[in-house]
Amino acid sequence: MRAGASMQGMGRLMTHVQQEARQRGVDELQEGRLLLVLEELFTNIVRCAYPEESKAGEAFADALFFDASPWFGSMGIRIEPCREGEGTLHFTIFDWGMAFDPTSLPPPDIFADIDERKIGGLGMHLVRNMVSGIKYHRVSEEADDPLITGRNDLSLSIALRS
């Protein structure tokens, strides 16, 4: 499922994921973790994946139905079918923004004094600690739009039950 890389688009994707999670038997605690992870990752896409000059197109992007070719200014999620007996939900978050590997971020110094800590990194720390698997891949794509140079794929896994 795809939506515009905006807070409205994020809301649509989160609602879709919540419905899918419930249909697949994700327990309440894991559903909360899943939604927290996705909120962090989708918010990062909304705020950072696309250049500032593209933000003016958010309302237009939200009005489009993303079921054709990739669109600059969009993001989405693919939820993989559950493998019988595995007990894990696998999904991939994707966008066509600037290349960025969030798994390459170093872990934050969570023991440093609050005034000495660097800004950023706590969200990915949270994500890493709430999922059972995470992997980044940049997919090269040919597109008519010169702004589209590839797709960021972040594949994650989370247990169905806590």
N, C-alpha and C. Protein backbone atom coordinates (compact mmCIF):
# COMPACT_ATOMS: atom_id res chain seq x y z
N MET A 1 0.85 -1.17 0.00
CA MET A 1 0.00 0.00 0.00
C MET A 1 0.90 1.23 0.00
N ARG A 2 0.51 2.23 -0.78
CA ARG A 2 1.27 3.48 -0.86
C ARG A 2 0.40 4.66 -0.47
N ALA A 3 1.06 5.73 -0.02
CA ALA A 3 0.38 6.98 0.30
C ALA A 3 1.38 8.12 0.16
N GLY A 4 0.90 9.33 0.17
CA GLY A 4 1.80 10.48 0.14
C GLY A 4 2.65 10.52 1.40
N ALA A 5 3.88 11.01 1.26
CA ALA A 5 4.79 11.12 2.41
C ALA A 5 4.41 12.36 3.21
N SER A 6 3.33 12.23 3.96
CA SER A 6 2.79 13.31 4.78
C SER A 6 2.16 12.69 6.02
N MET A 7 1.78 13.52 6.96
CA MET A 7 1.14 13.00 8.17
C MET A 7 -0.20 12.33 7.83
N GLN A 8 -0.92 12.87 6.85
CA GLN A 8 -2.18 12.25 6.44
C GLN A 8 -1.92 10.88 5.82
N GLY A 9 -0.91 10.81 4.97
CA GLY A 9 -0.55 9.53 4.36
C GLY A 9 -0.13 8.52 5.42
N MET A 10 0.62 8.99 6.41
CA MET A 10 1.05 8.12 7.50
C MET A 10 -0.17 7.57 8.23
N GLY A 11 -1.17 8.39 8.46
CA GLY A 11 -2.39 7.93 9.13
C GLY A 11 -3.07 6.81 8.37
N ARG A 12 -3.15 6.95 7.05
CA ARG A 12 -3.77 5.90 6.23
C ARG A 12 -2.97 4.60 6.31
N LEU A 13 -1.65 4.71 6.22
CA LEU A 13 -0.82 3.51 6.29
C LEU A 13 -0.91 2.84 7.65
N MET A 14 -0.93 3.63 8.71
CA MET A 14 -1.01 3.07 10.06
C MET A 14 -2.35 2.34 10.26
N THR A 15 -3.43 2.90 9.76
CA THR A 15 -4.75 2.26 9.88
C THR A 15 -4.74 0.92 9.12
N HIS A 16 -4.16 0.93 7.93
CA HIS A 16 -4.06 -0.31 7.15
C HIS A 16 -3.27 -1.38 7.89
N VAL A 17 -2.13 -1.00 8.46
CA VAL A 17 -1.27 -1.94 9.18
C VAL A 17 -1.99 -2.49 10.41
N GLN A 18 -2.68 -1.63 11.14
CA GLN A 18 -3.39 -2.06 12.33
C GLN A 18 -4.45 -3.11 11.97
N GLN A 19 -5.18 -2.89 10.89
CA GLN A 19 -6.19 -3.87 10.45
C GLN A 19 -5.53 -5.19 10.05
N GLU A 20 -4.44 -5.11 9.30
CA GLU A 20 -3.72 -6.32 8.89
C GLU A 20 -3.16 -7.08 10.09
N ALA A 21 -2.61 -6.34 11.04
CA ALA A 21 -2.03 -6.98 12.23
C ALA A 21 -3.09 -7.75 12.99
N ARG A 22 -4.24 -7.16 13.16
CA ARG A 22 -5.33 -7.83 13.89
C ARG A 22 -5.81 -9.08 13.14
N GLN A 23 -5.91 -8.98 11.81
CA GLN A 23 -6.33 -10.15 11.02
C GLN A 23 -5.32 -11.28 11.11
N ARG A 24 -4.06 -10.95 11.32
CA ARG A 24 -3.00 -11.96 11.37
C ARG A 24 -2.73 -12.46 12.78
N GLY A 25 -3.50 -11.98 13.76
CA GLY A 25 -3.39 -12.51 15.11
C GLY A 25 -2.28 -11.90 15.95
N VAL A 26 -1.82 -10.70 15.60
CA VAL A 26 -0.80 -10.03 16.42
C VAL A 26 -1.44 -9.67 17.75
N ASP A 27 -0.79 -10.02 18.87
CA ASP A 27 -1.38 -9.71 20.17
C ASP A 27 -1.29 -8.20 20.46
N GLU A 28 -2.03 -7.77 21.46
CA GLU A 28 -2.17 -6.34 21.77
C GLU A 28 -0.83 -5.66 22.06
N LEU A 29 0.01 -6.29 22.85
CA LEU A 29 1.31 -5.70 23.19
C LEU A 29 2.18 -5.54 21.94
N GLN A 30 2.24 -6.58 21.10
CA GLN A 30 3.04 -6.50 19.89
C GLN A 30 2.45 -5.52 18.88
N GLU A 31 1.13 -5.42 18.85
CA GLU A 31 0.49 -4.44 17.96
C GLU A 31 0.94 -3.03 18.36
N GLY A 32 0.95 -2.75 19.65
CA GLY A 32 1.42 -1.44 20.14
C GLY A 32 2.87 -1.19 19.75
N ARG A 33 3.70 -2.21 19.90
CA ARG A 33 5.12 -2.07 19.50
C ARG A 33 5.24 -1.83 18.01
N LEU A 34 4.50 -2.59 17.22
CA LEU A 34 4.52 -2.46 15.78
C LEU A 34 4.13 -1.04 15.36
N LEU A 35 3.05 -0.53 15.93
CA LEU A 35 2.59 0.81 15.57
C LEU A 35 3.59 1.88 16.00
N LEU A 36 4.23 1.70 17.14
CA LEU A 36 5.25 2.66 17.59
C LEU A 36 6.45 2.65 16.64
N VAL A 37 6.89 1.47 16.24
CA VAL A 37 8.00 1.35 15.29
C VAL A 37 7.64 2.04 13.97
N LEU A 38 6.45 1.75 13.45
CA LEU A 38 6.04 2.35 12.18
C LEU A 38 5.87 3.85 12.27
N GLU A 39 5.34 4.33 13.38
CA GLU A 39 5.20 5.78 13.55
C GLU A 39 6.57 6.45 13.49
N GLU A 40 7.55 5.88 14.14
CA GLU A 40 8.91 6.44 14.13
C GLU A 40 9.47 6.44 12.71
N LEU A 41 9.36 5.33 12.02
CA LEU A 41 9.95 5.22 10.68
C LEU A 41 9.21 6.07 9.66
N PHE A 42 7.89 6.06 9.69
CA PHE A 42 7.13 6.88 8.75
C PHE A 42 7.36 8.38 9.01
N THR A 43 7.44 8.76 10.28
CA THR A 43 7.70 10.16 10.61
C THR A 43 9.06 10.59 10.06
N ASN A 44 10.06 9.73 10.16
CA ASN A 44 11.37 10.04 9.59
C ASN A 44 11.29 10.24 8.08
N ILE A 45 10.50 9.42 7.39
CA ILE A 45 10.34 9.59 5.95
C ILE A 45 9.67 10.92 5.65
N VAL A 46 8.58 11.22 6.36
CA VAL A 46 7.85 12.47 6.14
C VAL A 46 8.77 13.67 6.34
N ARG A 47 9.56 13.65 7.38
CA ARG A 47 10.40 14.80 7.73
C ARG A 47 11.71 14.89 6.94
N CYS A 48 12.26 13.75 6.51
CA CYS A 48 13.64 13.78 6.00
C CYS A 48 13.87 13.21 4.61
N ALA A 49 12.98 12.39 4.08
CA ALA A 49 13.29 11.65 2.85
C ALA A 49 13.32 12.52 1.60
N TYR A 50 12.51 13.57 1.59
CA TYR A 50 12.38 14.38 0.38
C TYR A 50 12.85 15.81 0.64
N PRO A 51 13.45 16.44 -0.39
CA PRO A 51 13.92 17.82 -0.22
C PRO A 51 12.77 18.76 0.16
N GLU A 52 13.10 19.82 0.86
CA GLU A 52 12.10 20.79 1.32
C GLU A 52 11.22 21.31 0.20
N GLU A 53 11.81 21.56 -0.98
CA GLU A 53 11.03 22.14 -2.07
C GLU A 53 9.93 21.20 -2.55
N SER A 54 10.00 19.92 -2.21
CA SER A 54 8.96 18.99 -2.64
C SER A 54 7.79 18.96 -1.66
N LYS A 55 7.95 19.55 -0.48
CA LYS A 55 6.89 19.48 0.54
C LYS A 55 5.61 20.18 0.09
N ALA A 56 5.73 21.15 -0.81
CA ALA A 56 4.56 21.87 -1.29
C ALA A 56 3.59 20.94 -2.01
N GLY A 57 4.09 19.83 -2.51
CA GLY A 57 3.25 18.89 -3.23
C GLY A 57 2.56 17.86 -2.36
N GLU A 58 2.68 17.95 -1.03
CA GLU A 58 2.10 16.93 -0.15
C GLU A 58 0.60 16.77 -0.34
N ALA A 59 -0.13 17.89 -0.42
CA ALA A 59 -1.59 17.80 -0.55
C ALA A 59 -1.94 17.10 -1.85
N PHE A 60 -1.22 17.43 -2.92
CA PHE A 60 -1.45 16.77 -4.20
C PHE A 60 -1.14 15.29 -4.11
N ALA A 61 0.00 14.98 -3.50
CA ALA A 61 0.42 13.57 -3.38
C ALA A 61 -0.60 12.78 -2.57
N ASP A 62 -1.17 13.39 -1.52
CA ASP A 62 -2.16 12.69 -0.71
C ASP A 62 -3.44 12.41 -1.47
N ALA A 63 -3.73 13.23 -2.47
CA ALA A 63 -4.97 13.06 -3.22
C ALA A 63 -4.85 11.95 -4.26
N LEU A 64 -3.63 11.55 -4.58
CA LEU A 64 -3.43 10.52 -5.60
C LEU A 64 -3.60 9.12 -5.04
N PHE A 65 -4.01 8.22 -5.87
CA PHE A 65 -4.09 6.82 -5.48
C PHE A 65 -2.84 6.15 -6.06
N PHE A 66 -1.97 5.69 -5.20
CA PHE A 66 -0.68 5.17 -5.63
C PHE A 66 -0.76 3.69 -5.95
N ASP A 67 -1.21 3.38 -7.15
CA ASP A 67 -1.26 1.97 -7.52
C ASP A 67 -0.57 1.71 -8.86
N ALA A 68 0.12 2.71 -9.37
CA ALA A 68 0.82 2.54 -10.64
C ALA A 68 2.31 2.58 -10.40
N SER A 69 3.02 3.37 -11.18
CA SER A 69 4.47 3.45 -11.04
C SER A 69 4.85 4.27 -9.81
N PRO A 70 6.10 4.18 -9.38
CA PRO A 70 6.55 4.94 -8.21
C PRO A 70 6.36 6.44 -8.41
N TRP A 71 6.01 7.11 -7.34
CA TRP A 71 5.82 8.55 -7.37
C TRP A 71 6.79 9.19 -6.39
N PHE A 72 7.44 10.25 -6.86
CA PHE A 72 8.26 11.05 -5.95
C PHE A 72 7.33 11.65 -4.90
N GLY A 73 7.70 11.56 -3.65
CA GLY A 73 6.88 12.12 -2.57
C GLY A 73 5.93 11.10 -1.96
N SER A 74 6.19 9.82 -2.16
CA SER A 74 5.32 8.82 -1.57
C SER A 74 6.12 7.85 -0.71
N MET A 75 5.39 7.08 0.07
CA MET A 75 5.97 6.05 0.92
C MET A 75 4.94 4.93 1.01
N GLY A 76 5.36 3.79 1.52
CA GLY A 76 4.41 2.71 1.63
C GLY A 76 4.93 1.56 2.46
N ILE A 77 4.11 0.51 2.51
CA ILE A 77 4.46 -0.68 3.28
C ILE A 77 3.94 -1.91 2.54
N ARG A 78 4.76 -2.95 2.55
CA ARG A 78 4.37 -4.27 2.05
C ARG A 78 4.41 -5.21 3.24
N ILE A 79 3.32 -5.91 3.47
CA ILE A 79 3.28 -6.89 4.56
C ILE A 79 3.29 -8.27 3.91
N GLU A 80 4.28 -9.06 4.29
CA GLU A 80 4.46 -10.38 3.70
C GLU A 80 3.47 -11.37 4.32
N PRO A 81 3.08 -12.38 3.56
CA PRO A 81 2.23 -13.43 4.14
C PRO A 81 2.97 -14.13 5.29
N CYS A 82 2.24 -14.45 6.34
CA CYS A 82 2.85 -15.17 7.47
C CYS A 82 3.12 -16.61 7.03
N ARG A 83 4.30 -17.08 7.37
CA ARG A 83 4.63 -18.48 7.10
C ARG A 83 4.07 -19.33 8.22
N GLU A 84 3.43 -20.41 7.88
CA GLU A 84 2.76 -21.24 8.86
C GLU A 84 3.70 -21.67 9.97
N GLY A 85 3.26 -21.44 11.20
CA GLY A 85 4.01 -21.86 12.37
C GLY A 85 5.18 -20.97 12.74
N GLU A 86 5.46 -19.93 11.95
CA GLU A 86 6.63 -19.10 12.23
C GLU A 86 6.41 -18.13 13.39
N GLY A 87 5.24 -17.53 13.47
CA GLY A 87 4.96 -16.60 14.56
C GLY A 87 5.61 -15.24 14.42
N THR A 88 5.97 -14.87 13.19
CA THR A 88 6.64 -13.59 12.94
C THR A 88 5.97 -12.87 11.78
N LEU A 89 5.82 -11.56 11.92
CA LEU A 89 5.28 -10.72 10.86
C LEU A 89 6.47 -10.05 10.16
N HIS A 90 6.55 -10.19 8.84
CA HIS A 90 7.61 -9.58 8.05
C HIS A 90 6.99 -8.48 7.19
N PHE A 91 7.63 -7.33 7.15
CA PHE A 91 7.11 -6.23 6.35
C PHE A 91 8.26 -5.35 5.87
N THR A 92 7.99 -4.58 4.81
CA THR A 92 8.98 -3.69 4.24
C THR A 92 8.37 -2.31 4.10
N ILE A 93 9.07 -1.32 4.62
CA ILE A 93 8.69 0.08 4.46
C ILE A 93 9.53 0.61 3.30
N PHE A 94 8.92 1.40 2.41
CA PHE A 94 9.67 1.89 1.27
C PHE A 94 9.32 3.33 0.93
N ASP A 95 10.28 4.02 0.30
CA ASP A 95 10.07 5.37 -0.20
C ASP A 95 11.06 5.61 -1.34
N TRP A 96 10.81 6.64 -2.11
CA TRP A 96 11.68 6.99 -3.23
C TRP A 96 12.47 8.27 -2.94
N GLY A 97 12.70 8.54 -1.68
CA GLY A 97 13.44 9.73 -1.27
C GLY A 97 14.94 9.54 -1.39
N MET A 98 15.66 10.47 -0.76
CA MET A 98 17.12 10.41 -0.78
C MET A 98 17.60 9.11 -0.15
N ALA A 99 18.67 8.55 -0.69
CA ALA A 99 19.23 7.31 -0.14
C ALA A 99 19.64 7.53 1.31
N PHE A 100 19.19 6.65 2.18
CA PHE A 100 19.56 6.74 3.59
C PHE A 100 19.38 5.37 4.23
N ASP A 101 20.44 4.88 4.84
CA ASP A 101 20.42 3.59 5.53
C ASP A 101 20.32 3.84 7.03
N PRO A 102 19.13 3.75 7.61
CA PRO A 102 18.99 4.01 9.04
C PRO A 102 19.69 2.98 9.92
N THR A 103 19.98 1.80 9.35
CA THR A 103 20.67 0.78 10.15
C THR A 103 22.15 1.11 10.32
N SER A 104 22.64 2.07 9.55
CA SER A 104 24.06 2.45 9.65
C SER A 104 24.32 3.44 10.78
N LEU A 105 23.26 3.95 11.38
CA LEU A 105 23.44 4.89 12.49
C LEU A 105 24.08 4.19 13.68
N PRO A 106 25.06 4.82 14.32
CA PRO A 106 25.64 4.20 15.51
C PRO A 106 24.64 4.26 16.66
N PRO A 107 24.74 3.34 17.60
CA PRO A 107 23.83 3.40 18.74
C PRO A 107 24.11 4.66 19.56
N PRO A 108 23.06 5.27 20.11
CA PRO A 108 23.27 6.48 20.91
C PRO A 108 23.87 6.12 22.27
N ASP A 109 24.54 7.07 22.86
CA ASP A 109 25.06 6.88 24.22
C ASP A 109 23.94 7.21 25.20
N ILE A 110 23.18 6.19 25.55
CA ILE A 110 22.01 6.40 26.41
C ILE A 110 22.39 6.67 27.86
N PHE A 111 23.67 6.50 28.18
CA PHE A 111 24.11 6.74 29.54
C PHE A 111 24.75 8.12 29.71
N ALA A 112 24.93 8.84 28.62
CA ALA A 112 25.52 10.19 28.69
C ALA A 112 24.53 11.14 29.35
N ASP A 113 25.06 12.18 29.95
CA ASP A 113 24.23 13.23 30.53
C ASP A 113 23.36 13.83 29.42
N ILE A 114 22.13 14.16 29.74
CA ILE A 114 21.18 14.66 28.74
C ILE A 114 21.73 15.90 28.02
N ASP A 115 22.48 16.73 28.72
CA ASP A 115 23.03 17.94 28.10
C ASP A 115 24.21 17.63 27.17
N GLU A 116 24.79 16.45 27.28
CA GLU A 116 25.95 16.07 26.46
C GLU A 116 25.57 15.16 25.29
N ARG A 117 24.36 14.68 25.25
CA ARG A 117 23.95 13.76 24.20
C ARG A 117 23.79 14.48 22.86
N LYS A 118 24.13 13.75 21.81
CA LYS A 118 23.90 14.25 20.46
C LYS A 118 22.41 14.14 20.16
N ILE A 119 21.89 15.05 19.36
CA ILE A 119 20.49 15.01 18.95
C ILE A 119 20.34 13.91 17.89
N GLY A 120 19.29 13.12 18.02
CA GLY A 120 19.00 12.08 17.04
C GLY A 120 19.51 10.72 17.47
N GLY A 121 18.97 9.71 16.82
CA GLY A 121 19.43 8.34 17.05
C GLY A 121 18.59 7.55 18.03
N LEU A 122 17.83 8.23 18.88
CA LEU A 122 17.05 7.48 19.87
C LEU A 122 15.89 6.71 19.22
N GLY A 123 15.34 7.28 18.15
CA GLY A 123 14.24 6.59 17.46
C GLY A 123 14.69 5.27 16.86
N MET A 124 15.83 5.27 16.20
CA MET A 124 16.33 4.01 15.64
C MET A 124 16.75 3.04 16.73
N HIS A 125 17.23 3.56 17.85
CA HIS A 125 17.55 2.71 19.00
C HIS A 125 16.28 1.99 19.46
N LEU A 126 15.20 2.73 19.54
CA LEU A 126 13.91 2.17 19.92
C LEU A 126 13.48 1.11 18.92
N VAL A 127 13.57 1.43 17.64
CA VAL A 127 13.17 0.49 16.58
C VAL A 127 13.98 -0.80 16.68
N ARG A 128 15.30 -0.67 16.78
CA ARG A 128 16.17 -1.86 16.85
C ARG A 128 15.80 -2.77 18.02
N ASN A 129 15.38 -2.17 19.12
CA ASN A 129 15.07 -2.95 20.32
C ASN A 129 13.66 -3.51 20.33
N MET A 130 12.82 -3.10 19.38
CA MET A 130 11.44 -3.59 19.35
C MET A 130 11.17 -4.59 18.24
N VAL A 131 12.11 -4.73 17.30
CA VAL A 131 11.91 -5.68 16.21
C VAL A 131 12.90 -6.84 16.35
N SER A 132 12.58 -7.95 15.72
CA SER A 132 13.49 -9.10 15.80
C SER A 132 14.45 -9.16 14.62
N GLY A 133 14.20 -8.34 13.59
CA GLY A 133 15.10 -8.30 12.45
C GLY A 133 14.92 -7.00 11.69
N ILE A 134 16.03 -6.46 11.14
CA ILE A 134 15.97 -5.22 10.37
C ILE A 134 17.09 -5.24 9.33
N LYS A 135 16.74 -4.84 8.10
CA LYS A 135 17.72 -4.86 7.01
C LYS A 135 17.36 -3.76 6.01
N TYR A 136 18.37 -3.00 5.57
CA TYR A 136 18.17 -1.92 4.59
C TYR A 136 18.73 -2.33 3.23
N HIS A 137 18.04 -1.88 2.18
CA HIS A 137 18.52 -2.11 0.81
C HIS A 137 18.08 -0.94 -0.06
N ARG A 138 18.99 -0.40 -0.86
CA ARG A 138 18.66 0.63 -1.84
C ARG A 138 18.48 -0.05 -3.18
N VAL A 139 17.30 0.11 -3.77
CA VAL A 139 16.96 -0.51 -5.03
C VAL A 139 17.09 0.54 -6.13
N SER A 140 17.93 0.30 -7.12
CA SER A 140 18.07 1.22 -8.25
C SER A 140 16.85 1.08 -9.14
N GLU A 141 16.34 2.22 -9.59
CA GLU A 141 15.18 2.20 -10.48
C GLU A 141 15.35 3.21 -11.59
N GLU A 142 14.93 2.84 -12.77
CA GLU A 142 14.88 3.76 -13.89
C GLU A 142 13.50 4.41 -13.85
N ALA A 143 13.46 5.74 -13.99
CA ALA A 143 12.18 6.43 -13.95
C ALA A 143 12.21 7.63 -14.89
N ASP A 144 11.04 8.03 -15.34
CA ASP A 144 10.93 9.22 -16.17
C ASP A 144 11.19 10.48 -15.37
N ASP A 145 10.93 10.43 -14.09
CA ASP A 145 11.12 11.59 -13.20
C ASP A 145 12.58 11.65 -12.76
N PRO A 146 13.30 12.75 -13.05
CA PRO A 146 14.72 12.83 -12.67
C PRO A 146 14.94 12.87 -11.16
N LEU A 147 13.90 13.13 -10.39
CA LEU A 147 14.04 13.15 -8.94
C LEU A 147 14.09 11.75 -8.35
N ILE A 148 13.62 10.76 -9.13
CA ILE A 148 13.60 9.39 -8.63
C ILE A 148 14.86 8.67 -9.09
N THR A 149 15.74 8.36 -8.16
CA THR A 149 16.98 7.65 -8.49
C THR A 149 16.99 6.24 -7.92
N GLY A 150 16.05 5.93 -7.08
CA GLY A 150 16.00 4.60 -6.48
C GLY A 150 15.00 4.57 -5.36
N ARG A 151 14.88 3.41 -4.75
CA ARG A 151 13.91 3.21 -3.67
C ARG A 151 14.64 2.72 -2.43
N ASN A 152 14.29 3.28 -1.29
CA ASN A 152 14.77 2.79 0.00
C ASN A 152 13.82 1.70 0.47
N ASP A 153 14.35 0.52 0.76
CA ASP A 153 13.57 -0.58 1.33
C ASP A 153 14.13 -0.90 2.71
N LEU A 154 13.30 -0.84 3.71
CA LEU A 154 13.69 -1.23 5.06
C LEU A 154 12.81 -2.40 5.47
N SER A 155 13.41 -3.58 5.51
CA SER A 155 12.67 -4.81 5.85
C SER A 155 12.81 -5.09 7.33
N LEU A 156 11.67 -5.39 7.97
CA LEU A 156 11.65 -5.62 9.40
C LEU A 156 10.84 -6.87 9.72
N SER A 157 11.09 -7.43 10.89
CA SER A 157 10.34 -8.57 11.40
C SER A 157 9.97 -8.30 12.85
N ILE A 158 8.78 -8.72 13.24
CA ILE A 158 8.33 -8.56 14.63
C ILE A 158 7.51 -9.78 15.00
N ALA A 159 7.68 -10.25 16.22
CA ALA A 159 6.93 -11.43 16.69
C ALA A 159 5.43 -11.12 16.73
N LEU A 160 4.61 -12.12 16.42
CA LEU A 160 3.17 -11.95 16.49
C LEU A 160 2.67 -11.87 17.93
N ARG A 161 3.38 -12.53 18.81
CA ARG A 161 2.97 -12.56 20.23
C ARG A 161 4.16 -12.26 21.12
N SER A 162 3.87 -11.55 22.22
CA SER A 162 4.96 -11.19 23.16
C SER A 162 5.32 -12.33 24.08
